[in-house]
Protein backbone atom coordinates (compact mmCIF):
# COMPACT_ATOMS: atom_id res chain seq x y z
CA MET A 1 -7.11 6.55 -13.85
CA GLU A 2 -4.40 8.78 -15.17
CA ILE A 3 -1.08 8.97 -13.40
CA PHE A 4 0.09 12.20 -11.84
CA ALA A 5 2.42 14.24 -14.01
CA ASP A 6 5.23 16.32 -12.56
CA ILE A 7 3.71 19.61 -13.68
CA PRO A 8 2.11 22.51 -11.75
CA GLU A 9 -1.40 21.53 -12.91
CA TYR A 10 -1.14 18.32 -10.87
CA TRP A 11 0.70 19.87 -7.93
CA GLN A 12 -2.43 21.92 -7.21
CA ARG A 13 -4.73 18.88 -7.01
CA ILE A 14 -5.79 17.86 -3.52
CA ASP A 15 -5.18 14.16 -4.15
CA TYR A 16 -1.63 14.93 -5.27
CA ALA A 17 -1.05 17.03 -2.15
CA LEU A 18 -2.48 14.31 0.10
CA MET A 19 -0.57 11.44 -1.51
CA GLN A 20 2.83 13.11 -1.86
CA ASN A 21 3.86 12.23 1.71
CA GLY A 22 1.92 9.00 1.96
CA PRO A 23 -1.73 8.02 1.73
CA MET A 24 -2.67 8.69 5.37
CA ASN A 25 -3.33 12.26 6.53
CA LEU A 26 -4.21 13.68 9.94
CA TYR A 27 -6.70 16.51 10.48
CA TYR A 28 -7.58 18.54 13.53
CA ARG A 29 -9.99 21.16 12.17
CA ASN A 30 -13.19 19.87 10.60
CA GLU A 31 -13.47 22.80 8.19
CA ILE A 32 -10.16 21.83 6.58
CA LEU A 33 -11.24 18.19 6.44
CA ASP A 34 -14.59 19.14 4.90
CA SER A 35 -12.88 21.32 2.31
CA ASP A 36 -10.57 18.47 1.29
CA ILE A 37 -13.51 16.05 1.14
CA ASP A 38 -15.36 18.45 -1.18
CA SER A 39 -12.27 18.77 -3.38
CA LEU A 40 -11.89 14.99 -3.59
CA LYS A 41 -15.57 14.63 -4.51
CA GLY A 42 -14.98 17.14 -7.30
CA LEU A 43 -12.25 14.85 -8.65
CA GLY A 44 -14.60 11.86 -8.70
CA TYR A 45 -13.56 10.20 -5.45
CA LEU A 46 -15.95 7.98 -3.53
CA ILE A 47 -16.00 9.21 0.07
CA GLU A 48 -16.68 6.87 2.99
CA ILE A 49 -17.13 8.66 6.33
CA PHE A 50 -16.84 6.83 9.65
CA ASP A 51 -17.77 8.44 12.98
CA CYS A 52 -15.30 6.73 15.28
CA SER A 53 -16.88 8.23 18.41
CA LYS A 54 -19.42 5.40 18.06
CA TRP A 55 -16.72 2.74 18.19
CA GLU A 56 -16.92 1.85 21.87
CA ASN A 57 -15.17 -1.45 21.20
CA ASN A 58 -13.43 -3.26 18.37
CA GLY A 59 -16.59 -5.14 17.43
CA LEU A 60 -18.39 -1.89 16.63
CA MET A 61 -15.41 -0.80 14.53
CA TYR A 62 -15.55 -4.03 12.51
CA ASP A 63 -19.32 -3.66 12.14
CA ALA A 64 -18.90 -0.12 10.81
CA PHE A 65 -16.38 -1.24 8.20
CA ALA A 66 -18.57 -4.16 7.15
CA GLU A 67 -21.70 -2.01 6.80
CA GLN A 68 -20.14 1.09 5.24
CA LEU A 69 -17.94 -0.77 2.75
CA LYS A 70 -20.43 -3.58 2.11
CA PHE A 71 -18.08 -6.38 3.11
CA PRO A 72 -19.26 -9.93 2.33
CA ASP A 73 -21.17 -11.91 4.94
CA TYR A 74 -18.11 -14.07 5.63
CA PHE A 75 -16.11 -11.06 6.91
CA GLY A 76 -14.34 -12.45 9.98
CA ARG A 77 -14.37 -9.33 12.18
CA ASN A 78 -10.63 -9.39 12.84
CA LEU A 79 -7.61 -7.52 11.51
CA ALA A 80 -6.62 -10.19 9.00
CA ALA A 81 -10.14 -10.24 7.57
CA LEU A 82 -10.20 -6.43 7.46
CA ASN A 83 -6.98 -6.47 5.49
CA ASP A 84 -8.38 -9.08 3.08
CA CYS A 85 -11.66 -7.25 2.50
CA LEU A 86 -9.92 -3.91 1.96
CA CYS A 87 -8.09 -5.59 -0.93
CA ASP A 88 -11.39 -6.08 -2.75
CA LEU A 89 -12.98 -2.62 -2.65
CA GLU A 90 -14.79 -1.41 -5.74
CA MET A 91 -12.76 1.45 -7.12
CA PRO A 92 -14.16 4.09 -9.46
CA GLU A 93 -12.67 4.56 -12.91
CA GLU A 94 -12.08 8.25 -12.21
CA GLY A 95 -10.78 9.63 -8.95
CA GLY A 96 -10.31 7.07 -6.24
CA ARG A 97 -11.69 6.24 -2.83
CA ALA A 98 -11.20 8.11 0.43
CA LEU A 99 -11.81 6.63 3.86
CA VAL A 100 -12.58 9.41 6.33
CA PHE A 101 -12.33 8.74 10.06
CA LYS A 102 -13.84 11.43 12.28
CA ASN A 103 -13.08 11.52 16.01
CA TYR A 104 -10.41 8.85 15.60
CA ASP A 105 -8.74 9.96 18.83
CA GLN A 106 -11.74 8.61 20.75
CA PHE A 107 -11.24 5.15 19.27
CA ALA A 108 -7.48 5.38 19.82
CA LYS A 109 -8.13 5.99 23.55
CA ILE A 110 -10.15 2.77 23.71
CA ASP A 111 -7.62 0.59 21.87
CA GLY A 112 -4.55 2.45 20.68
CA GLU A 113 -2.85 -0.65 19.33
CA ILE A 114 -5.79 -1.64 17.12
CA ALA A 115 -6.28 1.99 16.04
CA GLN A 116 -2.64 2.05 14.93
CA ILE A 117 -2.88 -1.28 13.09
CA VAL A 118 -6.08 -0.28 11.25
CA LEU A 119 -4.33 2.79 9.84
CA ASP A 120 -1.29 0.70 8.94
CA ILE A 121 -3.51 -1.76 7.05
CA ILE A 122 -5.14 1.05 5.07
CA HIS A 123 -1.70 2.52 4.37
CA SER A 124 -0.50 -0.81 2.96
CA ARG A 125 -3.66 -1.37 0.94
CA SER A 126 -3.26 2.08 -0.60
CA TYR A 127 0.09 1.11 -2.08
CA SER A 128 -1.41 -2.14 -3.38
CA TYR A 129 -4.13 -0.18 -5.18
CA LEU A 130 -1.55 2.11 -6.77
CA LEU A 131 -0.13 -0.94 -8.56
CA THR A 132 -3.43 -1.31 -10.42
CA GLY A 133 -3.90 2.39 -11.14
CA HIS A 134 -6.26 3.20 -8.26
CA ARG A 135 -5.98 5.56 -5.31
CA LEU A 136 -7.04 4.89 -1.73
CA ILE A 137 -6.54 7.82 0.64
CA GLY A 138 -7.08 7.94 4.41
CA LEU A 139 -8.23 11.13 6.12
CA VAL A 140 -8.04 10.83 9.91
CA GLN A 141 -9.62 13.58 12.02
CA SER A 142 -8.66 13.91 15.68
CA ASN A 143 -9.82 16.28 18.40
CA ASP A 144 -6.37 15.87 19.94
CA PRO A 145 -3.98 18.22 18.10
CA CYS A 146 -0.97 16.26 19.38
CA ILE A 147 -2.04 12.80 18.23
CA SER A 148 0.37 10.89 16.03
CA PHE A 149 0.57 7.50 14.38
CA GLU A 150 3.46 5.69 12.75
CA VAL A 151 2.37 3.74 9.68
CA GLY A 152 4.06 2.11 6.75
CA SER A 153 6.95 0.33 8.38
CA GLN A 154 7.56 -2.60 6.12
CA GLY A 155 10.26 -5.20 6.18
CA VAL A 156 12.13 -6.01 3.01
CA GLN A 157 10.25 -8.84 1.31
CA TRP A 158 11.75 -11.87 -0.40
CA ASN A 159 11.48 -11.89 -4.18
CA HIS A 160 8.58 -13.75 -5.78
CA ARG A 161 10.70 -16.81 -6.63
CA GLU A 162 12.23 -17.23 -3.18
CA TRP A 163 9.47 -16.17 -0.81
CA LEU A 164 8.78 -19.77 0.24
CA LYS A 165 11.31 -20.91 2.83
CA SER A 166 11.68 -24.20 0.97
CA SER A 167 12.90 -22.34 -2.11
CA ARG A 168 15.79 -21.04 0.01
CA GLY A 169 16.69 -24.48 1.37
CA LEU A 170 15.04 -23.92 4.74
């Protein structure tokens, strides 16, 4: 996948617009969401749509991820396993992959903490994919126009030669 160039031709692309402030984007109106989905499809993105109104509990959420994204049978149905399996998504050569969550506010009402963490995991995985020249974008539709999520808070990591505590004399 080509990198974005800092020229007007790229500034007009929907993926550029969506990624410029981070890979996760909130939507209220479905017509705007649908328009952006169509634009991403036109750029070669694979689109995965989840109807979160069906997620009456965390188990159903994990089932939806496993089925929609074709996770392996050993998927552990927990946040750590979700993070691991999102690292191994098939990514197209052109475009990228967009995960679309409709009615996410309904799931957030059931388990706001897990809803927050799921978006944070996708946010982190998106940056990991950028390192290998792929794009993962999250489109999160809510029927609550005031909903908000904080994602992307990361601590400063130890360098690759000192990340083990023993390498720092601890």
